[in-house]
N, C-alpha and C. Protein backbone atom coordinates (compact mmCIF):
# COMPACT_ATOMS: atom_id res chain seq x y z
N UNK A 1 117.31 163.42 126.74
CA UNK A 1 118.32 162.40 126.80
C UNK A 1 119.61 162.93 127.41
N UNK A 2 119.77 164.22 127.57
CA UNK A 2 120.98 164.81 128.15
C UNK A 2 120.95 164.74 129.67
N UNK A 3 120.84 163.54 130.24
CA UNK A 3 120.84 163.40 131.68
C UNK A 3 122.25 163.02 132.14
N UNK A 4 122.37 162.64 133.40
CA UNK A 4 123.68 162.36 133.97
C UNK A 4 124.32 161.14 133.30
N UNK A 5 125.54 161.31 132.80
CA UNK A 5 126.27 160.21 132.19
C UNK A 5 125.92 159.92 130.74
N UNK A 6 125.02 160.71 130.14
CA UNK A 6 124.62 160.46 128.75
C UNK A 6 124.99 161.65 127.89
N UNK A 7 125.74 161.38 126.81
CA UNK A 7 126.14 162.43 125.86
C UNK A 7 125.78 161.95 124.45
N UNK A 8 124.89 162.66 123.78
CA UNK A 8 124.43 162.27 122.45
C UNK A 8 125.51 162.58 121.43
N UNK A 9 125.87 161.57 120.63
CA UNK A 9 126.89 161.75 119.59
C UNK A 9 126.24 162.08 118.24
N UNK A 10 125.09 161.48 117.94
CA UNK A 10 124.40 161.75 116.67
C UNK A 10 122.93 161.37 116.79
N UNK A 11 122.09 162.13 116.09
CA UNK A 11 120.65 161.85 116.04
C UNK A 11 120.24 161.64 114.59
N UNK A 12 119.25 160.81 114.39
CA UNK A 12 118.71 160.57 113.06
C UNK A 12 117.39 161.32 112.96
N UNK A 13 117.46 162.62 112.66
CA UNK A 13 116.24 163.43 112.60
C UNK A 13 115.39 163.08 111.38
N UNK A 14 116.01 162.52 110.35
CA UNK A 14 115.27 162.11 109.16
C UNK A 14 114.29 160.98 109.49
N UNK A 15 114.64 160.16 110.48
CA UNK A 15 113.77 159.04 110.86
C UNK A 15 112.41 159.51 111.32
N UNK A 16 112.36 160.60 112.09
CA UNK A 16 111.08 161.10 112.58
C UNK A 16 110.24 161.68 111.44
N UNK A 17 110.89 162.12 110.37
CA UNK A 17 110.17 162.64 109.21
C UNK A 17 109.64 161.51 108.34
N UNK A 18 110.41 160.43 108.22
CA UNK A 18 110.07 159.34 107.31
C UNK A 18 109.20 158.24 107.94
N UNK A 19 109.21 158.13 109.29
CA UNK A 19 108.54 157.01 109.94
C UNK A 19 107.73 157.45 111.15
N UNK A 20 106.73 156.62 111.50
CA UNK A 20 106.05 156.71 112.78
C UNK A 20 106.83 155.83 113.74
N UNK A 21 107.34 156.38 114.83
CA UNK A 21 108.14 155.62 115.79
C UNK A 21 107.19 154.96 116.78
N UNK A 22 107.25 153.63 116.88
CA UNK A 22 106.34 152.90 117.76
C UNK A 22 106.99 152.51 119.08
N UNK A 23 108.07 151.73 119.05
CA UNK A 23 108.76 151.29 120.27
C UNK A 23 110.24 151.60 120.16
N UNK A 24 110.86 151.96 121.29
CA UNK A 24 112.28 152.26 121.31
C UNK A 24 113.02 151.26 122.20
N UNK A 25 114.22 150.88 121.77
CA UNK A 25 115.05 149.95 122.52
C UNK A 25 116.47 150.50 122.58
N UNK A 26 117.20 150.10 123.62
CA UNK A 26 118.61 150.48 123.74
C UNK A 26 119.46 149.26 123.44
N UNK A 27 120.49 149.44 122.62
CA UNK A 27 121.38 148.34 122.27
C UNK A 27 122.82 148.80 122.37
N UNK A 28 123.69 147.89 122.74
CA UNK A 28 125.11 148.17 122.68
C UNK A 28 125.57 147.96 121.24
N UNK A 29 126.78 148.35 120.94
CA UNK A 29 127.30 148.18 119.58
C UNK A 29 128.74 147.71 119.64
N UNK A 30 129.09 146.82 118.73
CA UNK A 30 130.43 146.26 118.67
C UNK A 30 131.28 147.14 117.75
N UNK A 31 132.29 147.81 118.31
CA UNK A 31 133.12 148.74 117.55
C UNK A 31 134.60 148.45 117.79
N UNK A 32 135.44 148.95 116.88
CA UNK A 32 136.88 148.91 117.11
C UNK A 32 137.28 150.20 117.84
N UNK A 33 138.49 150.24 118.36
CA UNK A 33 138.95 151.39 119.14
C UNK A 33 138.97 152.69 118.36
N UNK A 34 139.41 152.64 117.09
CA UNK A 34 139.48 153.87 116.31
C UNK A 34 138.08 154.39 115.97
N UNK A 35 137.10 153.48 115.86
CA UNK A 35 135.72 153.92 115.59
C UNK A 35 135.16 154.68 116.79
N UNK A 36 135.49 154.24 118.00
CA UNK A 36 135.02 154.92 119.20
C UNK A 36 135.63 156.32 119.26
N UNK A 37 136.91 156.43 118.94
CA UNK A 37 137.58 157.74 118.95
C UNK A 37 136.94 158.66 117.92
N UNK A 38 136.61 158.11 116.77
CA UNK A 38 135.98 158.90 115.72
C UNK A 38 134.58 159.35 116.13
N UNK A 39 133.83 158.48 116.82
CA UNK A 39 132.50 158.85 117.30
C UNK A 39 132.61 159.96 118.34
N UNK A 40 133.62 159.90 119.20
CA UNK A 40 133.83 160.96 120.20
C UNK A 40 134.03 162.31 119.54
N UNK A 41 134.63 162.31 118.33
CA UNK A 41 134.81 163.56 117.58
C UNK A 41 133.53 163.97 116.87
N UNK A 42 132.52 163.10 116.86
CA UNK A 42 131.23 163.43 116.24
C UNK A 42 131.20 163.21 114.74
N UNK A 43 132.01 162.31 114.22
CA UNK A 43 132.09 162.10 112.78
C UNK A 43 131.34 160.84 112.36
N UNK A 44 130.04 160.78 112.67
CA UNK A 44 129.24 159.66 112.20
C UNK A 44 127.94 160.17 111.62
N UNK A 45 127.34 159.35 110.75
CA UNK A 45 126.13 159.74 110.04
C UNK A 45 125.13 158.58 110.09
N UNK A 46 123.94 158.84 110.59
CA UNK A 46 122.89 157.83 110.70
C UNK A 46 121.79 158.00 109.66
N UNK A 47 121.95 158.94 108.74
CA UNK A 47 120.85 159.34 107.87
C UNK A 47 120.20 158.18 107.12
N UNK A 48 120.97 157.31 106.52
CA UNK A 48 120.40 156.21 105.72
C UNK A 48 120.54 154.87 106.41
N UNK A 49 120.80 154.86 107.71
CA UNK A 49 121.05 153.61 108.43
C UNK A 49 119.76 152.85 108.71
N UNK A 50 119.89 151.53 108.81
CA UNK A 50 118.78 150.65 109.13
C UNK A 50 119.33 149.39 109.78
N UNK A 51 118.46 148.61 110.41
CA UNK A 51 118.89 147.40 111.11
C UNK A 51 118.22 146.18 110.51
N UNK A 52 118.89 145.04 110.63
CA UNK A 52 118.35 143.78 110.15
C UNK A 52 118.71 142.67 111.13
N UNK A 53 117.94 141.60 111.11
CA UNK A 53 118.23 140.44 111.95
C UNK A 53 118.69 139.31 111.04
N UNK A 54 119.92 138.82 111.29
CA UNK A 54 120.46 137.69 110.53
C UNK A 54 120.99 136.66 111.50
N UNK A 55 120.56 135.42 111.35
CA UNK A 55 121.02 134.30 112.19
C UNK A 55 120.89 134.61 113.68
N UNK A 56 119.82 135.24 114.08
CA UNK A 56 119.59 135.54 115.48
C UNK A 56 120.42 136.68 116.03
N UNK A 57 121.12 137.42 115.15
CA UNK A 57 121.92 138.57 115.57
C UNK A 57 121.36 139.83 114.91
N UNK A 58 121.48 140.94 115.61
CA UNK A 58 120.99 142.23 115.11
C UNK A 58 122.16 142.99 114.51
N UNK A 59 122.01 143.44 113.27
CA UNK A 59 123.09 144.14 112.55
C UNK A 59 122.64 145.53 112.14
N UNK A 60 123.54 146.49 112.28
CA UNK A 60 123.31 147.88 111.86
C UNK A 60 123.99 148.08 110.51
N UNK A 61 123.21 148.47 109.50
CA UNK A 61 123.71 148.64 108.14
C UNK A 61 123.76 150.12 107.77
N UNK A 62 124.68 150.48 106.91
CA UNK A 62 124.76 151.82 106.29
C UNK A 62 125.00 152.97 107.25
N UNK A 63 125.55 152.70 108.45
CA UNK A 63 125.95 153.80 109.33
C UNK A 63 127.39 154.16 108.96
N UNK A 64 127.62 155.42 108.68
CA UNK A 64 128.95 155.86 108.26
C UNK A 64 129.71 156.47 109.43
N UNK A 65 130.85 155.87 109.76
CA UNK A 65 131.75 156.43 110.77
C UNK A 65 133.02 156.79 110.04
N UNK A 66 133.34 158.07 109.96
CA UNK A 66 134.54 158.53 109.25
C UNK A 66 135.79 157.94 109.88
N UNK A 67 136.79 157.59 109.08
CA UNK A 67 138.04 157.04 109.64
C UNK A 67 138.71 158.05 110.57
N UNK A 68 139.27 157.54 111.64
CA UNK A 68 140.00 158.35 112.61
C UNK A 68 141.32 158.77 111.97
N UNK A 69 141.60 160.09 111.94
CA UNK A 69 142.76 160.58 111.17
C UNK A 69 144.10 160.07 111.69
N UNK A 70 144.16 159.74 112.98
CA UNK A 70 145.42 159.23 113.53
C UNK A 70 145.42 157.70 113.63
N UNK A 71 144.44 157.05 113.01
CA UNK A 71 144.27 155.61 113.17
C UNK A 71 145.05 154.76 112.20
N UNK A 72 145.56 155.31 111.12
CA UNK A 72 146.28 154.64 110.03
C UNK A 72 145.80 153.21 109.75
N UNK A 73 146.60 152.18 110.02
CA UNK A 73 146.26 150.81 109.63
C UNK A 73 145.14 150.21 110.47
N UNK A 74 144.81 150.82 111.60
CA UNK A 74 143.78 150.26 112.48
C UNK A 74 142.37 150.68 112.08
N UNK A 75 142.25 151.61 111.14
CA UNK A 75 140.93 152.05 110.70
C UNK A 75 140.20 150.94 109.96
N UNK A 76 138.89 150.85 110.20
CA UNK A 76 138.04 149.86 109.53
C UNK A 76 137.27 150.56 108.41
N UNK A 77 136.59 149.76 107.58
CA UNK A 77 135.74 150.30 106.51
C UNK A 77 134.64 151.15 107.14
N UNK A 78 134.47 152.41 106.69
CA UNK A 78 133.50 153.30 107.33
C UNK A 78 132.04 152.83 107.21
N UNK A 79 131.71 152.04 106.20
CA UNK A 79 130.32 151.62 105.98
C UNK A 79 130.06 150.16 106.35
N UNK A 80 131.00 149.51 107.04
CA UNK A 80 130.84 148.08 107.33
C UNK A 80 129.64 147.84 108.23
N UNK A 81 129.00 146.67 108.11
CA UNK A 81 127.90 146.34 109.03
C UNK A 81 128.46 146.16 110.44
N UNK A 82 127.71 146.62 111.43
CA UNK A 82 128.15 146.53 112.82
C UNK A 82 127.11 145.77 113.63
N UNK A 83 127.58 144.87 114.47
CA UNK A 83 126.68 144.05 115.27
C UNK A 83 126.17 144.84 116.46
N UNK A 84 124.86 144.77 116.69
CA UNK A 84 124.26 145.39 117.86
C UNK A 84 124.08 144.32 118.93
N UNK A 85 124.28 144.72 120.17
CA UNK A 85 124.26 143.79 121.29
C UNK A 85 122.96 143.94 122.09
N UNK A 86 122.14 142.89 122.02
CA UNK A 86 120.89 142.84 122.79
C UNK A 86 120.68 141.40 123.24
N UNK A 87 119.78 141.20 124.17
CA UNK A 87 119.44 139.86 124.61
C UNK A 87 118.70 139.13 123.49
N UNK A 88 118.88 137.81 123.41
CA UNK A 88 118.24 136.99 122.37
C UNK A 88 116.72 137.18 122.37
N UNK A 89 116.14 137.24 123.58
CA UNK A 89 114.70 137.39 123.69
C UNK A 89 114.24 138.69 123.03
N UNK A 90 114.98 139.78 123.27
CA UNK A 90 114.63 141.08 122.67
C UNK A 90 114.80 141.04 121.16
N UNK A 91 115.87 140.39 120.69
CA UNK A 91 116.10 140.30 119.24
C UNK A 91 114.97 139.52 118.57
N UNK A 92 114.56 138.41 119.19
CA UNK A 92 113.46 137.62 118.62
C UNK A 92 112.15 138.42 118.62
N UNK A 93 111.93 139.19 119.66
CA UNK A 93 110.75 140.05 119.75
C UNK A 93 110.76 141.08 118.61
N UNK A 94 111.92 141.71 118.39
CA UNK A 94 112.06 142.69 117.30
C UNK A 94 111.84 142.02 115.95
N UNK A 95 112.42 140.84 115.77
CA UNK A 95 112.31 140.13 114.49
C UNK A 95 110.85 139.82 114.18
N UNK A 96 110.09 139.41 115.19
CA UNK A 96 108.68 139.11 114.97
C UNK A 96 107.88 140.36 114.63
N UNK A 97 108.23 141.49 115.21
CA UNK A 97 107.55 142.75 114.88
C UNK A 97 107.88 143.20 113.46
N UNK A 98 109.15 143.03 113.05
CA UNK A 98 109.60 143.52 111.74
C UNK A 98 109.07 142.65 110.60
N UNK A 99 108.75 141.39 110.90
CA UNK A 99 108.20 140.52 109.86
C UNK A 99 106.85 141.01 109.37
N UNK A 100 106.15 141.79 110.19
CA UNK A 100 104.86 142.35 109.77
C UNK A 100 105.10 143.38 108.66
N UNK A 101 104.16 143.51 107.78
CA UNK A 101 104.31 144.44 106.66
C UNK A 101 104.40 145.88 107.13
N UNK A 102 105.30 146.62 106.53
CA UNK A 102 105.41 148.05 106.79
C UNK A 102 106.25 148.43 107.98
N UNK A 103 106.77 147.45 108.73
CA UNK A 103 107.59 147.77 109.89
C UNK A 103 109.07 147.58 109.57
N UNK A 104 109.90 148.43 110.17
CA UNK A 104 111.35 148.31 110.00
C UNK A 104 112.05 148.77 111.26
N UNK A 105 113.31 148.40 111.38
CA UNK A 105 114.14 148.79 112.52
C UNK A 105 115.05 149.92 112.10
N UNK A 106 114.93 151.05 112.75
CA UNK A 106 115.68 152.25 112.39
C UNK A 106 116.44 152.75 113.62
N UNK A 107 117.74 153.03 113.47
CA UNK A 107 118.47 153.63 114.60
C UNK A 107 118.11 155.12 114.71
N UNK A 108 117.74 155.55 115.91
CA UNK A 108 117.34 156.93 116.13
C UNK A 108 118.50 157.80 116.61
N UNK A 109 119.37 157.24 117.44
CA UNK A 109 120.49 158.03 117.94
C UNK A 109 121.61 157.12 118.40
N UNK A 110 122.80 157.70 118.46
CA UNK A 110 123.99 157.05 119.02
C UNK A 110 124.46 157.96 120.14
N UNK A 111 124.72 157.38 121.30
CA UNK A 111 125.11 158.20 122.44
C UNK A 111 126.06 157.43 123.35
N UNK A 112 126.74 158.18 124.20
CA UNK A 112 127.62 157.60 125.20
C UNK A 112 126.86 157.53 126.51
N UNK A 113 126.86 156.36 127.11
CA UNK A 113 126.22 156.17 128.42
C UNK A 113 127.28 155.58 129.34
N UNK A 114 127.79 156.42 130.24
CA UNK A 114 128.87 156.00 131.14
C UNK A 114 130.04 155.41 130.36
N UNK A 115 130.52 156.10 129.36
CA UNK A 115 131.69 155.76 128.54
C UNK A 115 131.45 154.58 127.60
N UNK A 116 130.24 154.07 127.51
CA UNK A 116 129.94 153.01 126.54
C UNK A 116 129.06 153.59 125.43
N UNK A 117 129.31 153.13 124.20
CA UNK A 117 128.52 153.61 123.07
C UNK A 117 127.24 152.79 123.00
N UNK A 118 126.11 153.47 122.94
CA UNK A 118 124.79 152.83 122.85
C UNK A 118 124.07 153.35 121.63
N UNK A 119 123.17 152.53 121.09
CA UNK A 119 122.36 152.91 119.94
C UNK A 119 120.90 152.77 120.34
N UNK A 120 120.10 153.80 120.08
CA UNK A 120 118.67 153.73 120.32
C UNK A 120 118.01 153.26 119.02
N UNK A 121 117.42 152.07 119.06
CA UNK A 121 116.80 151.46 117.90
C UNK A 121 115.29 151.49 118.09
N UNK A 122 114.56 151.78 117.02
CA UNK A 122 113.10 151.87 117.13
C UNK A 122 112.42 151.00 116.09
N UNK A 123 111.29 150.43 116.47
CA UNK A 123 110.42 149.75 115.52
C UNK A 123 109.56 150.84 114.91
N UNK A 124 109.66 151.01 113.59
CA UNK A 124 108.99 152.12 112.91
C UNK A 124 108.09 151.62 111.79
N UNK A 125 107.08 152.42 111.50
CA UNK A 125 106.18 152.17 110.39
C UNK A 125 106.32 153.34 109.43
N UNK A 126 106.49 153.07 108.15
CA UNK A 126 106.72 154.12 107.17
C UNK A 126 105.55 155.05 107.00
N UNK A 127 105.86 156.33 106.78
CA UNK A 127 104.82 157.33 106.53
C UNK A 127 104.57 157.43 105.03
N UNK A 128 103.34 157.70 104.69
CA UNK A 128 102.98 158.00 103.30
C UNK A 128 103.14 159.50 103.11
N UNK A 129 103.11 159.95 101.86
CA UNK A 129 103.30 161.36 101.56
C UNK A 129 102.25 162.23 102.24
N UNK A 130 100.99 161.75 102.25
CA UNK A 130 99.93 162.57 102.88
C UNK A 130 100.14 162.67 104.39
N UNK A 131 100.74 161.64 105.03
CA UNK A 131 101.04 161.71 106.46
C UNK A 131 102.06 162.81 106.73
N UNK A 132 103.06 162.90 105.86
CA UNK A 132 104.10 163.93 106.02
C UNK A 132 103.50 165.31 105.87
N UNK A 133 102.56 165.46 104.93
CA UNK A 133 101.90 166.75 104.73
C UNK A 133 101.07 167.13 105.95
N UNK A 134 100.37 166.14 106.53
CA UNK A 134 99.57 166.40 107.73
C UNK A 134 100.43 166.88 108.88
N UNK A 135 101.58 166.25 109.08
CA UNK A 135 102.49 166.63 110.16
C UNK A 135 103.02 168.05 109.93
N UNK A 136 103.37 168.36 108.67
CA UNK A 136 103.86 169.70 108.35
C UNK A 136 102.77 170.75 108.59
N UNK A 137 101.52 170.44 108.23
CA UNK A 137 100.41 171.37 108.45
C UNK A 137 100.18 171.59 109.95
N UNK A 138 100.27 170.50 110.75
CA UNK A 138 100.10 170.64 112.21
C UNK A 138 101.18 171.54 112.81
N UNK A 139 102.43 171.33 112.39
CA UNK A 139 103.53 172.16 112.90
C UNK A 139 103.31 173.62 112.55
N UNK A 140 102.88 173.86 111.31
CA UNK A 140 102.66 175.24 110.86
C UNK A 140 101.53 175.89 111.67
N UNK A 141 100.45 175.15 111.89
CA UNK A 141 99.32 175.68 112.67
C UNK A 141 99.75 175.97 114.11
N UNK A 142 100.51 175.06 114.71
CA UNK A 142 100.99 175.27 116.07
C UNK A 142 101.89 176.49 116.15
N UNK A 143 102.73 176.68 115.16
CA UNK A 143 103.63 177.84 115.12
C UNK A 143 102.83 179.14 115.02
N UNK A 144 101.79 179.15 114.19
CA UNK A 144 100.95 180.34 114.04
C UNK A 144 100.19 180.65 115.33
N UNK A 145 99.70 179.62 116.01
CA UNK A 145 98.99 179.82 117.29
C UNK A 145 99.94 180.40 118.32
N UNK A 146 101.15 179.84 118.42
CA UNK A 146 102.14 180.35 119.37
C UNK A 146 102.49 181.81 119.08
N UNK A 147 102.64 182.14 117.80
CA UNK A 147 102.97 183.51 117.41
C UNK A 147 101.84 184.46 117.80
N UNK A 148 100.58 184.03 117.56
CA UNK A 148 99.43 184.87 117.91
C UNK A 148 99.33 185.07 119.41
N UNK A 149 99.58 184.02 120.18
CA UNK A 149 99.53 184.12 121.65
C UNK A 149 100.63 185.05 122.15
N UNK A 150 101.77 184.97 121.55
CA UNK A 150 102.91 185.83 121.96
C UNK A 150 102.58 187.29 121.69
N UNK A 151 102.00 187.59 120.52
CA UNK A 151 101.64 188.97 120.17
C UNK A 151 100.53 189.49 121.11
N UNK A 152 99.59 188.61 121.47
CA UNK A 152 98.48 189.00 122.33
C UNK A 152 98.96 189.34 123.73
N UNK A 153 99.97 188.61 124.20
CA UNK A 153 100.50 188.84 125.56
C UNK A 153 101.38 190.08 125.67
N UNK A 154 101.80 190.63 124.57
CA UNK A 154 102.68 191.80 124.62
C UNK A 154 101.95 193.09 124.71
């Protein structure tokens, strides 16, 4: 994602541990000026964030943006819901996918794309405990294979 004009502000690494990521979408986000300044400083947290569709609009819940220290009266509530900007057709498509059992909308990352703040939203399916164990076992096996290959080549 570190290509020309794109600078990642925050990633939700917990999402990849908790969910199977199926489809990814890019959305704009409605922010105040002090929130953008705070994001530029890297003071946001996506760990427990999730998205919902209300009245045909997409909303980002539980994303924490720390107040900008020089913002005084212009600072907003750090945990307030924020509207995501997408086409109606895409929002309806997401809503229909999320209505199915086990699917949810999770923000994966927040980044700057040509000076605009964008959010990468994914349609995800929750992992069970045994799925998490399988992924951990695969990573461990891959790490051991890589280590053995490295020792063999030396």
